[in-house]
Amino acid sequence: MNSLKPEDTAVYYCNARRTSTVDDYWGQGTQVTVAS
């Protein structure tokens, strides 16, 4: 992530989707905070 903006502030989650079944797997999330 480059040129980060305050609007990018969020919890970011990793996702894996099995295409055949559309099963979703998620990570626990990691906080990104961009100070203005």
PDB file of all heavy atoms in Angstrom:
ATOM      1  N   MET A   1       0.841  -1.181   0.000  1.00  0.00           N
ATOM      2  CA  MET A   1       0.000   0.000   0.000  1.00  0.00           C
ATOM      3  C   MET A   1       0.884   1.242   0.000  1.00  0.00           C
ATOM      4  O   MET A   1       1.637   1.470   0.948  1.00  0.00           O
ATOM      5  CB  MET A   1      -0.937   0.006   1.208  1.00  0.00           C
ATOM      6  CG  MET A   1      -1.790  -1.246   1.325  1.00  0.00           C
ATOM      7  SD  MET A   1      -2.975  -1.149   2.692  1.00  0.00           S
ATOM      8  CE  MET A   1      -1.830  -1.153   4.083  1.00  0.00           C
ATOM      9  N   ASN A   2       0.777   2.027  -1.045  1.00  0.00           N
ATOM     10  CA  ASN A   2       1.536   3.263  -1.176  1.00  0.00           C
ATOM     11  C   ASN A   2       0.590   4.454  -1.242  1.00  0.00           C
ATOM     12  O   ASN A   2      -0.596   4.308  -1.499  1.00  0.00           O
ATOM     13  CB  ASN A   2       2.407   3.228  -2.430  1.00  0.00           C
ATOM     14  CG  ASN A   2       3.429   2.124  -2.416  1.00  0.00           C
ATOM     15  OD1 ASN A   2       3.968   1.771  -1.370  1.00  0.00           O
ATOM     16  ND2 ASN A   2       3.725   1.572  -3.597  1.00  0.00           N
ATOM     17  N   SER A   3       1.148   5.629  -1.027  1.00  0.00           N
ATOM     18  CA  SER A   3       0.367   6.865  -1.080  1.00  0.00           C
ATOM     19  C   SER A   3      -0.904   6.763  -0.258  1.00  0.00           C
ATOM     20  O   SER A   3      -1.994   7.109  -0.711  1.00  0.00           O
ATOM     21  CB  SER A   3       0.039   7.213  -2.537  1.00  0.00           C
ATOM     22  OG  SER A   3       1.216   7.350  -3.313  1.00  0.00           O
ATOM     23  N   LEU A   4      -0.756   6.314   0.945  1.00  0.00           N
ATOM     24  CA  LEU A   4      -1.912   6.066   1.797  1.00  0.00           C
ATOM     25  C   LEU A   4      -2.644   7.355   2.150  1.00  0.00           C
ATOM     26  O   LEU A   4      -2.030   8.410   2.331  1.00  0.00           O
ATOM     27  CB  LEU A   4      -1.491   5.343   3.061  1.00  0.00           C
ATOM     28  CG  LEU A   4      -1.197   3.850   2.862  1.00  0.00           C
ATOM     29  CD1 LEU A   4      -0.399   3.297   4.024  1.00  0.00           C
ATOM     30  CD2 LEU A   4      -2.508   3.084   2.700  1.00  0.00           C
ATOM     31  N   LYS A   5      -3.949   7.229   2.238  1.00  0.00           N
ATOM     32  CA  LYS A   5      -4.835   8.334   2.559  1.00  0.00           C
ATOM     33  C   LYS A   5      -5.614   8.013   3.827  1.00  0.00           C
ATOM     34  O   LYS A   5      -5.782   6.846   4.172  1.00  0.00           O
ATOM     35  CB  LYS A   5      -5.827   8.579   1.415  1.00  0.00           C
ATOM     36  CG  LYS A   5      -5.197   8.777   0.047  1.00  0.00           C
ATOM     37  CD  LYS A   5      -6.273   8.861  -1.022  1.00  0.00           C
ATOM     38  CE  LYS A   5      -5.670   9.030  -2.394  1.00  0.00           C
ATOM     39  NZ  LYS A   5      -6.725   9.084  -3.453  1.00  0.00           N
ATOM     40  N   PRO A   6      -6.115   9.030   4.507  1.00  0.00           N
ATOM     41  CA  PRO A   6      -6.949   8.762   5.685  1.00  0.00           C
ATOM     42  C   PRO A   6      -8.140   7.863   5.372  1.00  0.00           C
ATOM     43  O   PRO A   6      -8.569   7.094   6.242  1.00  0.00           O
ATOM     44  CB  PRO A   6      -7.410  10.161   6.107  1.00  0.00           C
ATOM     45  CG  PRO A   6      -6.316  11.058   5.647  1.00  0.00           C
ATOM     46  CD  PRO A   6      -5.846  10.461   4.340  1.00  0.00           C
ATOM     47  N   GLU A   7      -8.653   7.931   4.157  1.00  0.00           N
ATOM     48  CA  GLU A   7      -9.770   7.091   3.754  1.00  0.00           C
ATOM     49  C   GLU A   7      -9.417   5.610   3.721  1.00  0.00           C
ATOM     50  O   GLU A   7     -10.312   4.763   3.662  1.00  0.00           O
ATOM     51  CB  GLU A   7     -10.284   7.503   2.368  1.00  0.00           C
ATOM     52  CG  GLU A   7     -10.641   8.977   2.250  1.00  0.00           C
ATOM     53  CD  GLU A   7      -9.480   9.803   1.732  1.00  0.00           C
ATOM     54  OE1 GLU A   7      -8.681  10.286   2.567  1.00  0.00           O
ATOM     55  OE2 GLU A   7      -9.370   9.973   0.496  1.00  0.00           O
ATOM     56  N   ASP A   8      -8.135   5.302   3.743  1.00  0.00           N
ATOM     57  CA  ASP A   8      -7.702   3.909   3.748  1.00  0.00           C
ATOM     58  C   ASP A   8      -7.736   3.292   5.143  1.00  0.00           C
ATOM     59  O   ASP A   8      -7.502   2.090   5.287  1.00  0.00           O
ATOM     60  CB  ASP A   8      -6.287   3.785   3.185  1.00  0.00           C
ATOM     61  CG  ASP A   8      -6.207   4.204   1.732  1.00  0.00           C
ATOM     62  OD1 ASP A   8      -7.114   3.847   0.955  1.00  0.00           O
ATOM     63  OD2 ASP A   8      -5.225   4.895   1.372  1.00  0.00           O
ATOM     64  N   THR A   9      -7.986   4.097   6.142  1.00  0.00           N
ATOM     65  CA  THR A   9      -8.043   3.604   7.513  1.00  0.00           C
ATOM     66  C   THR A   9      -9.159   2.580   7.659  1.00  0.00           C
ATOM     67  O   THR A   9     -10.321   2.859   7.363  1.00  0.00           O
ATOM     68  CB  THR A   9      -8.260   4.762   8.496  1.00  0.00           C
ATOM     69  OG1 THR A   9      -7.136   5.640   8.454  1.00  0.00           O
ATOM     70  CG2 THR A   9      -8.427   4.239   9.915  1.00  0.00           C
ATOM     71  N   ALA A  10      -8.799   1.400   8.099  1.00  0.00           N
ATOM     72  CA  ALA A  10      -9.761   0.310   8.227  1.00  0.00           C
ATOM     73  C   ALA A  10      -9.062  -0.911   8.794  1.00  0.00           C
ATOM     74  O   ALA A  10      -7.834  -0.951   8.912  1.00  0.00           O
ATOM     75  CB  ALA A  10     -10.374  -0.033   6.873  1.00  0.00           C
ATOM     76  N   VAL A  11      -9.856  -1.899   9.139  1.00  0.00           N
ATOM     77  CA  VAL A  11      -9.322  -3.218   9.430  1.00  0.00           C
ATOM     78  C   VAL A  11      -9.265  -3.974   8.114  1.00  0.00           C
ATOM     79  O   VAL A  11     -10.266  -4.064   7.401  1.00  0.00           O
ATOM     80  CB  VAL A  11     -10.184  -3.979  10.450  1.00  0.00           C
ATOM     81  CG1 VAL A  11      -9.643  -5.389  10.660  1.00  0.00           C
ATOM     82  CG2 VAL A  11     -10.217  -3.231  11.780  1.00  0.00           C
ATOM     83  N   TYR A  12      -8.110  -4.500   7.799  1.00  0.00           N
ATOM     84  CA  TYR A  12      -7.909  -5.210   6.543  1.00  0.00           C
ATOM     85  C   TYR A  12      -7.926  -6.706   6.793  1.00  0.00           C
ATOM     86  O   TYR A  12      -7.258  -7.208   7.694  1.00  0.00           O
ATOM     87  CB  TYR A  12      -6.591  -4.795   5.896  1.00  0.00           C
ATOM     88  CG  TYR A  12      -6.654  -3.441   5.245  1.00  0.00           C
ATOM     89  CD1 TYR A  12      -6.758  -2.292   6.014  1.00  0.00           C
ATOM     90  CD2 TYR A  12      -6.633  -3.313   3.855  1.00  0.00           C
ATOM     91  CE1 TYR A  12      -6.845  -1.040   5.416  1.00  0.00           C
ATOM     92  CE2 TYR A  12      -6.714  -2.075   3.255  1.00  0.00           C
ATOM     93  CZ  TYR A  12      -6.821  -0.938   4.042  1.00  0.00           C
ATOM     94  OH  TYR A  12      -6.898   0.297   3.435  1.00  0.00           O
ATOM     95  N   TYR A  13      -8.680  -7.407   5.948  1.00  0.00           N
ATOM     96  CA  TYR A  13      -8.864  -8.841   6.099  1.00  0.00           C
ATOM     97  C   TYR A  13      -8.357  -9.589   4.875  1.00  0.00           C
ATOM     98  O   TYR A  13      -8.640  -9.204   3.742  1.00  0.00           O
ATOM     99  CB  TYR A  13     -10.338  -9.186   6.295  1.00  0.00           C
ATOM    100  CG  TYR A  13     -10.953  -8.627   7.551  1.00  0.00           C
ATOM    101  CD1 TYR A  13     -11.567  -7.383   7.547  1.00  0.00           C
ATOM    102  CD2 TYR A  13     -10.922  -9.350   8.733  1.00  0.00           C
ATOM    103  CE1 TYR A  13     -12.136  -6.863   8.694  1.00  0.00           C
ATOM    104  CE2 TYR A  13     -11.492  -8.844   9.885  1.00  0.00           C
ATOM    105  CZ  TYR A  13     -12.098  -7.601   9.861  1.00  0.00           C
ATOM    106  OH  TYR A  13     -12.675  -7.088  10.997  1.00  0.00           O
ATOM    107  N   CYS A  14      -7.657 -10.648   5.118  1.00  0.00           N
ATOM    108  CA  CYS A  14      -7.255 -11.565   4.066  1.00  0.00           C
ATOM    109  C   CYS A  14      -8.391 -12.541   3.803  1.00  0.00           C
ATOM    110  O   CYS A  14      -9.034 -13.028   4.738  1.00  0.00           O
ATOM    111  CB  CYS A  14      -5.989 -12.313   4.503  1.00  0.00           C
ATOM    112  SG  CYS A  14      -5.357 -13.497   3.310  1.00  0.00           S
ATOM    113  N   ASN A  15      -8.639 -12.827   2.536  1.00  0.00           N
ATOM    114  CA  ASN A  15      -9.742 -13.699   2.154  1.00  0.00           C
ATOM    115  C   ASN A  15      -9.288 -14.727   1.130  1.00  0.00           C
ATOM    116  O   ASN A  15      -8.508 -14.419   0.231  1.00  0.00           O
ATOM    117  CB  ASN A  15     -10.889 -12.871   1.573  1.00  0.00           C
ATOM    118  CG  ASN A  15     -11.935 -13.720   0.874  1.00  0.00           C
ATOM    119  OD1 ASN A  15     -11.926 -13.870  -0.347  1.00  0.00           O
ATOM    120  ND2 ASN A  15     -12.843 -14.297   1.652  1.00  0.00           N
ATOM    121  N   ALA A  16      -9.791 -15.928   1.280  1.00  0.00           N
ATOM    122  CA  ALA A  16      -9.600 -16.974   0.288  1.00  0.00           C
ATOM    123  C   ALA A  16     -10.958 -17.538  -0.077  1.00  0.00           C
ATOM    124  O   ALA A  16     -11.723 -17.919   0.811  1.00  0.00           O
ATOM    125  CB  ALA A  16      -8.693 -18.075   0.822  1.00  0.00           C
ATOM    126  N   ARG A  17     -11.256 -17.574  -1.358  1.00  0.00           N
ATOM    127  CA  ARG A  17     -12.532 -18.096  -1.827  1.00  0.00           C
ATOM    128  C   ARG A  17     -12.300 -19.296  -2.727  1.00  0.00           C
ATOM    129  O   ARG A  17     -11.598 -19.197  -3.729  1.00  0.00           O
ATOM    130  CB  ARG A  17     -13.326 -17.021  -2.568  1.00  0.00           C
ATOM    131  CG  ARG A  17     -14.560 -17.561  -3.281  1.00  0.00           C
ATOM    132  CD  ARG A  17     -15.463 -16.454  -3.762  1.00  0.00           C
ATOM    133  NE  ARG A  17     -16.203 -15.859  -2.660  1.00  0.00           N
ATOM    134  CZ  ARG A  17     -17.198 -14.973  -2.814  1.00  0.00           C
ATOM    135  NH1 ARG A  17     -17.541 -14.575  -4.020  1.00  0.00           N
ATOM    136  NH2 ARG A  17     -17.814 -14.482  -1.749  1.00  0.00           N
ATOM    137  N   ARG A  18     -12.911 -20.395  -2.364  1.00  0.00           N
ATOM    138  CA  ARG A  18     -12.862 -21.570  -3.205  1.00  0.00           C
ATOM    139  C   ARG A  18     -13.843 -21.378  -4.341  1.00  0.00           C
ATOM    140  O   ARG A  18     -15.049 -21.262  -4.119  1.00  0.00           O
ATOM    141  CB  ARG A  18     -13.203 -22.821  -2.401  1.00  0.00           C
ATOM    142  CG  ARG A  18     -13.015 -24.112  -3.173  1.00  0.00           C
ATOM    143  CD  ARG A  18     -13.148 -25.313  -2.267  1.00  0.00           C
ATOM    144  NE  ARG A  18     -12.923 -26.559  -2.976  1.00  0.00           N
ATOM    145  CZ  ARG A  18     -12.884 -27.744  -2.404  1.00  0.00           C
ATOM    146  NH1 ARG A  18     -13.048 -27.853  -1.086  1.00  0.00           N
ATOM    147  NH2 ARG A  18     -12.670 -28.821  -3.134  1.00  0.00           N
ATOM    148  N   THR A  19     -13.328 -21.333  -5.544  1.00  0.00           N
ATOM    149  CA  THR A  19     -14.132 -20.936  -6.690  1.00  0.00           C
ATOM    150  C   THR A  19     -15.267 -21.907  -6.997  1.00  0.00           C
ATOM    151  O   THR A  19     -16.344 -21.488  -7.442  1.00  0.00           O
ATOM    152  CB  THR A  19     -13.255 -20.779  -7.936  1.00  0.00           C
ATOM    153  OG1 THR A  19     -12.530 -21.992  -8.182  1.00  0.00           O
ATOM    154  CG2 THR A  19     -12.260 -19.644  -7.743  1.00  0.00           C
ATOM    155  N   SER A  20     -15.057 -23.184  -6.776  1.00  0.00           N
ATOM    156  CA  SER A  20     -16.062 -24.172  -7.131  1.00  0.00           C
ATOM    157  C   SER A  20     -17.267 -24.164  -6.198  1.00  0.00           C
ATOM    158  O   SER A  20     -18.390 -24.433  -6.622  1.00  0.00           O
ATOM    159  CB  SER A  20     -15.442 -25.567  -7.163  1.00  0.00           C
ATOM    160  OG  SER A  20     -14.913 -25.921  -5.903  1.00  0.00           O
ATOM    161  N   THR A  21     -17.033 -23.853  -4.935  1.00  0.00           N
ATOM    162  CA  THR A  21     -18.097 -23.890  -3.944  1.00  0.00           C
ATOM    163  C   THR A  21     -18.431 -22.522  -3.367  1.00  0.00           C
ATOM    164  O   THR A  21     -19.412 -22.389  -2.626  1.00  0.00           O
ATOM    165  CB  THR A  21     -17.720 -24.812  -2.779  1.00  0.00           C
ATOM    166  OG1 THR A  21     -16.536 -24.323  -2.148  1.00  0.00           O
ATOM    167  CG2 THR A  21     -17.465 -26.227  -3.284  1.00  0.00           C
ATOM    168  N   VAL A  22     -17.626 -21.532  -3.668  1.00  0.00           N
ATOM    169  CA  VAL A  22     -17.751 -20.177  -3.140  1.00  0.00           C
ATOM    170  C   VAL A  22     -17.687 -20.191  -1.608  1.00  0.00           C
ATOM    171  O   VAL A  22     -18.379 -19.418  -0.935  1.00  0.00           O
ATOM    172  CB  VAL A  22     -19.033 -19.478  -3.638  1.00  0.00           C
ATOM    173  CG1 VAL A  22     -18.922 -17.969  -3.450  1.00  0.00           C
ATOM    174  CG2 VAL A  22     -19.290 -19.796  -5.100  1.00  0.00           C
ATOM    175  N   ASP A  23     -16.887 -21.082  -1.073  1.00  0.00           N
ATOM    176  CA  ASP A  23     -16.619 -21.085   0.351  1.00  0.00           C
ATOM    177  C   ASP A  23     -15.582 -20.015   0.667  1.00  0.00           C
ATOM    178  O   ASP A  23     -14.552 -19.929   0.003  1.00  0.00           O
ATOM    179  CB  ASP A  23     -16.094 -22.444   0.809  1.00  0.00           C
ATOM    180  CG  ASP A  23     -17.139 -23.534   0.734  1.00  0.00           C
ATOM    181  OD1 ASP A  23     -18.337 -23.227   0.926  1.00  0.00           O
ATOM    182  OD2 ASP A  23     -16.763 -24.687   0.483  1.00  0.00           O
ATOM    183  N   ASP A  24     -15.845 -19.218   1.670  1.00  0.00           N
ATOM    184  CA  ASP A  24     -14.953 -18.131   2.057  1.00  0.00           C
ATOM    185  C   ASP A  24     -14.222 -18.436   3.354  1.00  0.00           C
ATOM    186  O   ASP A  24     -14.809 -18.946   4.310  1.00  0.00           O
ATOM    187  CB  ASP A  24     -15.727 -16.822   2.233  1.00  0.00           C
ATOM    188  CG  ASP A  24     -16.015 -16.140   0.914  1.00  0.00           C
ATOM    189  OD1 ASP A  24     -15.076 -16.001   0.105  1.00  0.00           O
ATOM    190  OD2 ASP A  24     -17.178 -15.736   0.703  1.00  0.00           O
ATOM    191  N   TYR A  25     -12.946 -18.087   3.369  1.00  0.00           N
ATOM    192  CA  TYR A  25     -12.123 -18.195   4.557  1.00  0.00           C
ATOM    193  C   TYR A  25     -11.519 -16.830   4.836  1.00  0.00           C
ATOM    194  O   TYR A  25     -11.086 -16.135   3.923  1.00  0.00           O
ATOM    195  CB  TYR A  25     -11.025 -19.241   4.380  1.00  0.00           C
ATOM    196  CG  TYR A  25     -11.557 -20.620   4.101  1.00  0.00           C
ATOM    197  CD1 TYR A  25     -11.832 -21.030   2.800  1.00  0.00           C
ATOM    198  CD2 TYR A  25     -11.802 -21.520   5.137  1.00  0.00           C
ATOM    199  CE1 TYR A  25     -12.336 -22.293   2.538  1.00  0.00           C
ATOM    200  CE2 TYR A  25     -12.304 -22.782   4.883  1.00  0.00           C
ATOM    201  CZ  TYR A  25     -12.568 -23.166   3.585  1.00  0.00           C
ATOM    202  OH  TYR A  25     -13.067 -24.422   3.327  1.00  0.00           O
ATOM    203  N   TRP A  26     -11.488 -16.460   6.109  1.00  0.00           N
ATOM    204  CA  TRP A  26     -11.054 -15.120   6.497  1.00  0.00           C
ATOM    205  C   TRP A  26      -9.984 -15.161   7.567  1.00  0.00           C
ATOM    206  O   TRP A  26      -9.985 -16.037   8.439  1.00  0.00           O
ATOM    207  CB  TRP A  26     -12.232 -14.312   7.038  1.00  0.00           C
ATOM    208  CG  TRP A  26     -13.324 -14.087   6.043  1.00  0.00           C
ATOM    209  CD1 TRP A  26     -14.423 -14.857   5.838  1.00  0.00           C
ATOM    210  CD2 TRP A  26     -13.422 -13.003   5.115  1.00  0.00           C
ATOM    211  NE1 TRP A  26     -15.206 -14.323   4.842  1.00  0.00           N
ATOM    212  CE2 TRP A  26     -14.621 -13.194   4.382  1.00  0.00           C
ATOM    213  CE3 TRP A  26     -12.621 -11.895   4.842  1.00  0.00           C
ATOM    214  CZ2 TRP A  26     -15.027 -12.311   3.388  1.00  0.00           C
ATOM    215  CZ3 TRP A  26     -13.018 -11.016   3.849  1.00  0.00           C
ATOM    216  CH2 TRP A  26     -14.215 -11.226   3.141  1.00  0.00           C
ATOM    217  N   GLY A  27      -9.083 -14.195   7.495  1.00  0.00           N
ATOM    218  CA  GLY A  27      -8.132 -13.989   8.565  1.00  0.00           C
ATOM    219  C   GLY A  27      -8.763 -13.179   9.674  1.00  0.00           C
ATOM    220  O   GLY A  27      -9.928 -12.778   9.603  1.00  0.00           O
ATOM    221  N   GLN A  28      -7.989 -12.925  10.715  1.00  0.00           N
ATOM    222  CA  GLN A  28      -8.518 -12.218  11.882  1.00  0.00           C
ATOM    223  C   GLN A  28      -8.567 -10.704  11.697  1.00  0.00           C
ATOM    224  O   GLN A  28      -9.241 -10.008  12.460  1.00  0.00           O
ATOM    225  CB  GLN A  28      -7.676 -12.553  13.118  1.00  0.00           C
ATOM    226  CG  GLN A  28      -6.395 -11.742  13.284  1.00  0.00           C
ATOM    227  CD  GLN A  28      -5.302 -12.116  12.300  1.00  0.00           C
ATOM    228  OE1 GLN A  28      -5.399 -13.096  11.565  1.00  0.00           O
ATOM    229  NE2 GLN A  28      -4.234 -11.318  12.286  1.00  0.00           N
ATOM    230  N   GLY A  29      -7.871 -10.198  10.701  1.00  0.00           N
ATOM    231  CA  GLY A  29      -7.838  -8.781  10.429  1.00  0.00           C
ATOM    232  C   GLY A  29      -6.641  -8.086  11.049  1.00  0.00           C
ATOM    233  O   GLY A  29      -6.144  -8.488  12.093  1.00  0.00           O
ATOM    234  N   THR A  30      -6.183  -7.034  10.389  1.00  0.00           N
ATOM    235  CA  THR A  30      -5.098  -6.213  10.913  1.00  0.00           C
ATOM    236  C   THR A  30      -5.450  -4.745  10.699  1.00  0.00           C
ATOM    237  O   THR A  30      -5.934  -4.356   9.638  1.00  0.00           O
ATOM    238  CB  THR A  30      -3.756  -6.574  10.243  1.00  0.00           C
ATOM    239  OG1 THR A  30      -2.693  -5.833  10.854  1.00  0.00           O
ATOM    240  CG2 THR A  30      -3.774  -6.287   8.746  1.00  0.00           C
ATOM    241  N   GLN A  31      -5.227  -3.941  11.714  1.00  0.00           N
ATOM    242  CA  GLN A  31      -5.634  -2.541  11.688  1.00  0.00           C
ATOM    243  C   GLN A  31      -4.627  -1.687  10.931  1.00  0.00           C
ATOM    244  O   GLN A  31      -3.427  -1.744  11.188  1.00  0.00           O
ATOM    245  CB  GLN A  31      -5.781  -2.000  13.111  1.00  0.00           C
ATOM    246  CG  GLN A  31      -6.131  -0.509  13.186  1.00  0.00           C
ATOM    247  CD  GLN A  31      -7.534  -0.214  12.729  1.00  0.00           C
ATOM    248  OE1 GLN A  31      -8.485  -0.884  13.156  1.00  0.00           O
ATOM    249  NE2 GLN A  31      -7.689   0.779  11.856  1.00  0.00           N
ATOM    250  N   VAL A  32      -5.147  -0.882  10.016  1.00  0.00           N
ATOM    251  CA  VAL A  32      -4.353   0.122   9.314  1.00  0.00           C
ATOM    252  C   VAL A  32      -4.943   1.483   9.629  1.00  0.00           C
ATOM    253  O   VAL A  32      -6.125   1.721   9.390  1.00  0.00           O
ATOM    254  CB  VAL A  32      -4.352  -0.110   7.790  1.00  0.00           C
ATOM    255  CG1 VAL A  32      -3.696   1.066   7.073  1.00  0.00           C
ATOM    256  CG2 VAL A  32      -3.641  -1.406   7.453  1.00  0.00           C
ATOM    257  N   THR A  33      -4.128   2.364  10.168  1.00  0.00           N
ATOM    258  CA  THR A  33      -4.565   3.707  10.498  1.00  0.00           C
ATOM    259  C   THR A  33      -3.677   4.719   9.797  1.00  0.00           C
ATOM    260  O   THR A  33      -2.454   4.691   9.955  1.00  0.00           O
ATOM    261  CB  THR A  33      -4.520   3.950  12.015  1.00  0.00           C
ATOM    262  OG1 THR A  33      -5.340   2.988  12.685  1.00  0.00           O
ATOM    263  CG2 THR A  33      -5.028   5.348  12.342  1.00  0.00           C
ATOM    264  N   VAL A  34      -4.289   5.591   9.020  1.00  0.00           N
ATOM    265  CA  VAL A  34      -3.563   6.617   8.286  1.00  0.00           C
ATOM    266  C   VAL A  34      -3.916   7.970   8.899  1.00  0.00           C
ATOM    267  O   VAL A  34      -5.067   8.403   8.831  1.00  0.00           O
ATOM    268  CB  VAL A  34      -3.901   6.600   6.794  1.00  0.00           C
ATOM    269  CG1 VAL A  34      -3.050   7.630   6.056  1.00  0.00           C
ATOM    270  CG2 VAL A  34      -3.680   5.214   6.218  1.00  0.00           C
ATOM    271  N   ALA A  35      -2.949   8.618   9.480  1.00  0.00           N
ATOM    272  CA  ALA A  35      -3.155   9.894  10.140  1.00  0.00           C
ATOM    273  C   ALA A  35      -3.158  11.026   9.123  1.00  0.00           C
ATOM    274  O   ALA A  35      -2.312  11.080   8.228  1.00  0.00           O
ATOM    275  CB  ALA A  35      -2.077  10.131  11.186  1.00  0.00           C
ATOM    276  N   SER A  36      -4.085  11.939   9.276  1.00  0.00           N
ATOM    277  CA  SER A  36      -4.194  13.073   8.382  1.00  0.00           C
ATOM    278  C   SER A  36      -3.299  14.219   8.829  1.00  0.00           C
ATOM    279  O   SER A  36      -2.773  14.224   9.945  1.00  0.00           O
ATOM    280  CB  SER A  36      -5.641  13.548   8.294  1.00  0.00           C
ATOM    281  OG  SER A  36      -6.111  13.955   9.559  1.00  0.00           O
TER     282      SER A  36
END
